[in-house]
Amino acid sequence: MRLPWFAALVSGPSMAPALRHGDRIFIVRTAHARPGDVVVARFRSRPDLLVVKRVQRADGDGWWVVGDNPFASDDSERYGRADIIGRVTFRWWPQPVRFRRARA
């Protein structure tokens, strides 16, 4: 049985300034997301790679996800569609922060 939530450690600068290397995040498992949500996903072309990205849009039967840091992010521009594993709800280390969708 899988829990409906899990925790993860952020590795790399692709989501700076929202998330930084070493941040610990809390994720609720769901395949549903809206543009602006910060999510944990897997690219279909790289199923071995688990990433934290921001949802940009639905793309056919998958999602187009991007990093907040365009200078240090491998995202859907490189790997294509992604499948959502869960939505990041808050950062619990080093300082608790709740996440909301980005405003356009």
Protein backbone atom coordinates (compact mmCIF):
# COMPACT_ATOMS: atom_id res chain seq x y z
CA MET A 1 0.00 0.00 0.00
CA ARG A 2 1.32 3.43 -0.96
CA LEU A 3 0.81 6.43 1.24
CA PRO A 4 -1.10 9.34 -0.35
CA TRP A 5 1.89 11.61 0.33
CA PHE A 6 5.68 11.51 0.39
CA ALA A 7 8.65 13.76 1.11
CA ALA A 8 11.56 14.53 -1.22
CA LEU A 9 14.86 16.36 -1.27
CA VAL A 10 15.41 19.00 -3.98
CA SER A 11 18.62 18.52 -5.93
CA GLY A 12 19.89 21.22 -8.28
CA PRO A 13 19.04 24.85 -9.09
CA SER A 14 16.28 24.43 -11.71
CA MET A 15 13.47 25.74 -9.47
CA ALA A 16 15.33 28.70 -7.90
CA PRO A 17 14.21 31.01 -6.42
CA ALA A 18 11.04 29.11 -5.38
CA LEU A 19 13.01 26.01 -4.33
CA ARG A 20 16.74 25.64 -3.81
CA HIS A 21 19.17 22.75 -3.68
CA GLY A 22 18.77 21.02 -0.31
CA ASP A 23 15.16 22.05 0.35
CA ARG A 24 12.90 19.33 1.67
CA ILE A 25 9.39 19.25 0.25
CA PHE A 26 6.08 17.53 1.02
CA ILE A 27 4.17 16.07 -1.95
CA VAL A 28 0.58 14.84 -2.20
CA ARG A 29 0.16 12.07 -4.80
CA THR A 30 -2.15 13.10 -7.63
CA ALA A 31 -2.17 13.01 -11.42
CA HIS A 32 -4.17 16.23 -11.58
CA ALA A 33 -2.59 19.67 -11.81
CA ARG A 34 -3.31 23.18 -12.99
CA PRO A 35 -1.02 25.65 -14.72
CA GLY A 36 1.23 27.26 -12.13
CA ASP A 37 1.29 24.28 -9.75
CA VAL A 38 4.69 23.03 -8.57
CA VAL A 39 4.77 19.27 -9.12
CA VAL A 40 6.93 16.17 -9.03
CA ALA A 41 6.88 14.49 -12.44
CA ARG A 42 8.56 11.97 -14.75
CA PHE A 43 9.34 12.69 -18.37
CA ARG A 44 8.11 9.99 -20.73
CA SER A 45 11.42 10.07 -22.56
CA ARG A 46 13.33 9.74 -19.24
CA PRO A 47 11.24 7.57 -16.87
CA ASP A 48 14.27 7.11 -14.61
CA LEU A 49 14.39 10.86 -13.86
CA LEU A 50 12.14 12.27 -11.11
CA VAL A 51 11.91 16.08 -11.35
CA VAL A 52 10.36 19.05 -9.55
CA LYS A 53 8.91 21.54 -12.05
CA ARG A 54 6.10 24.04 -12.56
CA VAL A 55 3.14 23.06 -14.74
CA GLN A 56 2.86 25.30 -17.77
CA ARG A 57 -0.01 23.60 -19.62
CA ALA A 58 -1.76 20.35 -20.45
CA ASP A 59 -0.27 18.85 -23.61
CA GLY A 60 -2.40 16.13 -25.15
CA ASP A 61 -2.47 13.28 -22.66
CA GLY A 62 0.50 14.65 -20.67
CA TRP A 63 1.82 17.87 -19.16
CA TRP A 64 4.28 20.52 -20.29
CA VAL A 65 6.44 21.38 -17.27
CA VAL A 66 9.20 23.97 -16.89
CA GLY A 67 11.74 25.03 -14.30
CA ASP A 68 11.63 28.48 -12.71
CA ASN A 69 15.32 29.03 -13.53
CA PRO A 70 15.65 29.16 -17.34
CA PHE A 71 19.47 29.13 -17.13
CA ALA A 72 19.70 25.84 -15.21
CA SER A 73 16.67 23.78 -16.11
CA ASP A 74 16.16 20.68 -18.22
CA ASP A 75 12.42 20.61 -18.73
CA SER A 76 9.79 19.83 -21.36
CA GLU A 77 11.73 21.90 -23.90
CA ARG A 78 14.33 19.14 -23.82
CA TYR A 79 12.43 16.00 -22.77
CA GLY A 80 8.85 16.57 -23.94
CA ARG A 81 5.68 15.61 -22.09
CA ALA A 82 5.68 14.60 -18.45
CA ASP A 83 3.39 12.58 -16.21
CA ILE A 84 2.51 14.13 -12.85
CA ILE A 85 3.35 12.03 -9.78
CA GLY A 86 2.19 14.55 -7.18
CA ARG A 87 1.74 18.20 -6.27
CA VAL A 88 4.19 19.97 -3.96
CA THR A 89 2.18 21.40 -1.08
CA PHE A 90 4.88 22.92 1.10
CA ARG A 91 8.58 23.12 1.89
CA TRP A 92 9.26 21.88 5.42
CA TRP A 93 12.99 22.55 5.57
CA PRO A 94 14.79 24.89 5.95
CA GLN A 95 11.79 27.19 6.49
CA PRO A 96 8.16 26.09 6.04
CA VAL A 97 6.44 27.71 3.04
CA ARG A 98 3.11 26.88 1.38
CA PHE A 99 3.00 26.86 -2.42
CA ARG A 100 0.36 28.51 -4.52
CA ARG A 101 -0.02 28.63 -8.27
CA ALA A 102 2.04 31.27 -9.99
CA ARG A 103 0.06 34.22 -11.23
CA ALA A 104 0.21 34.90 -14.94
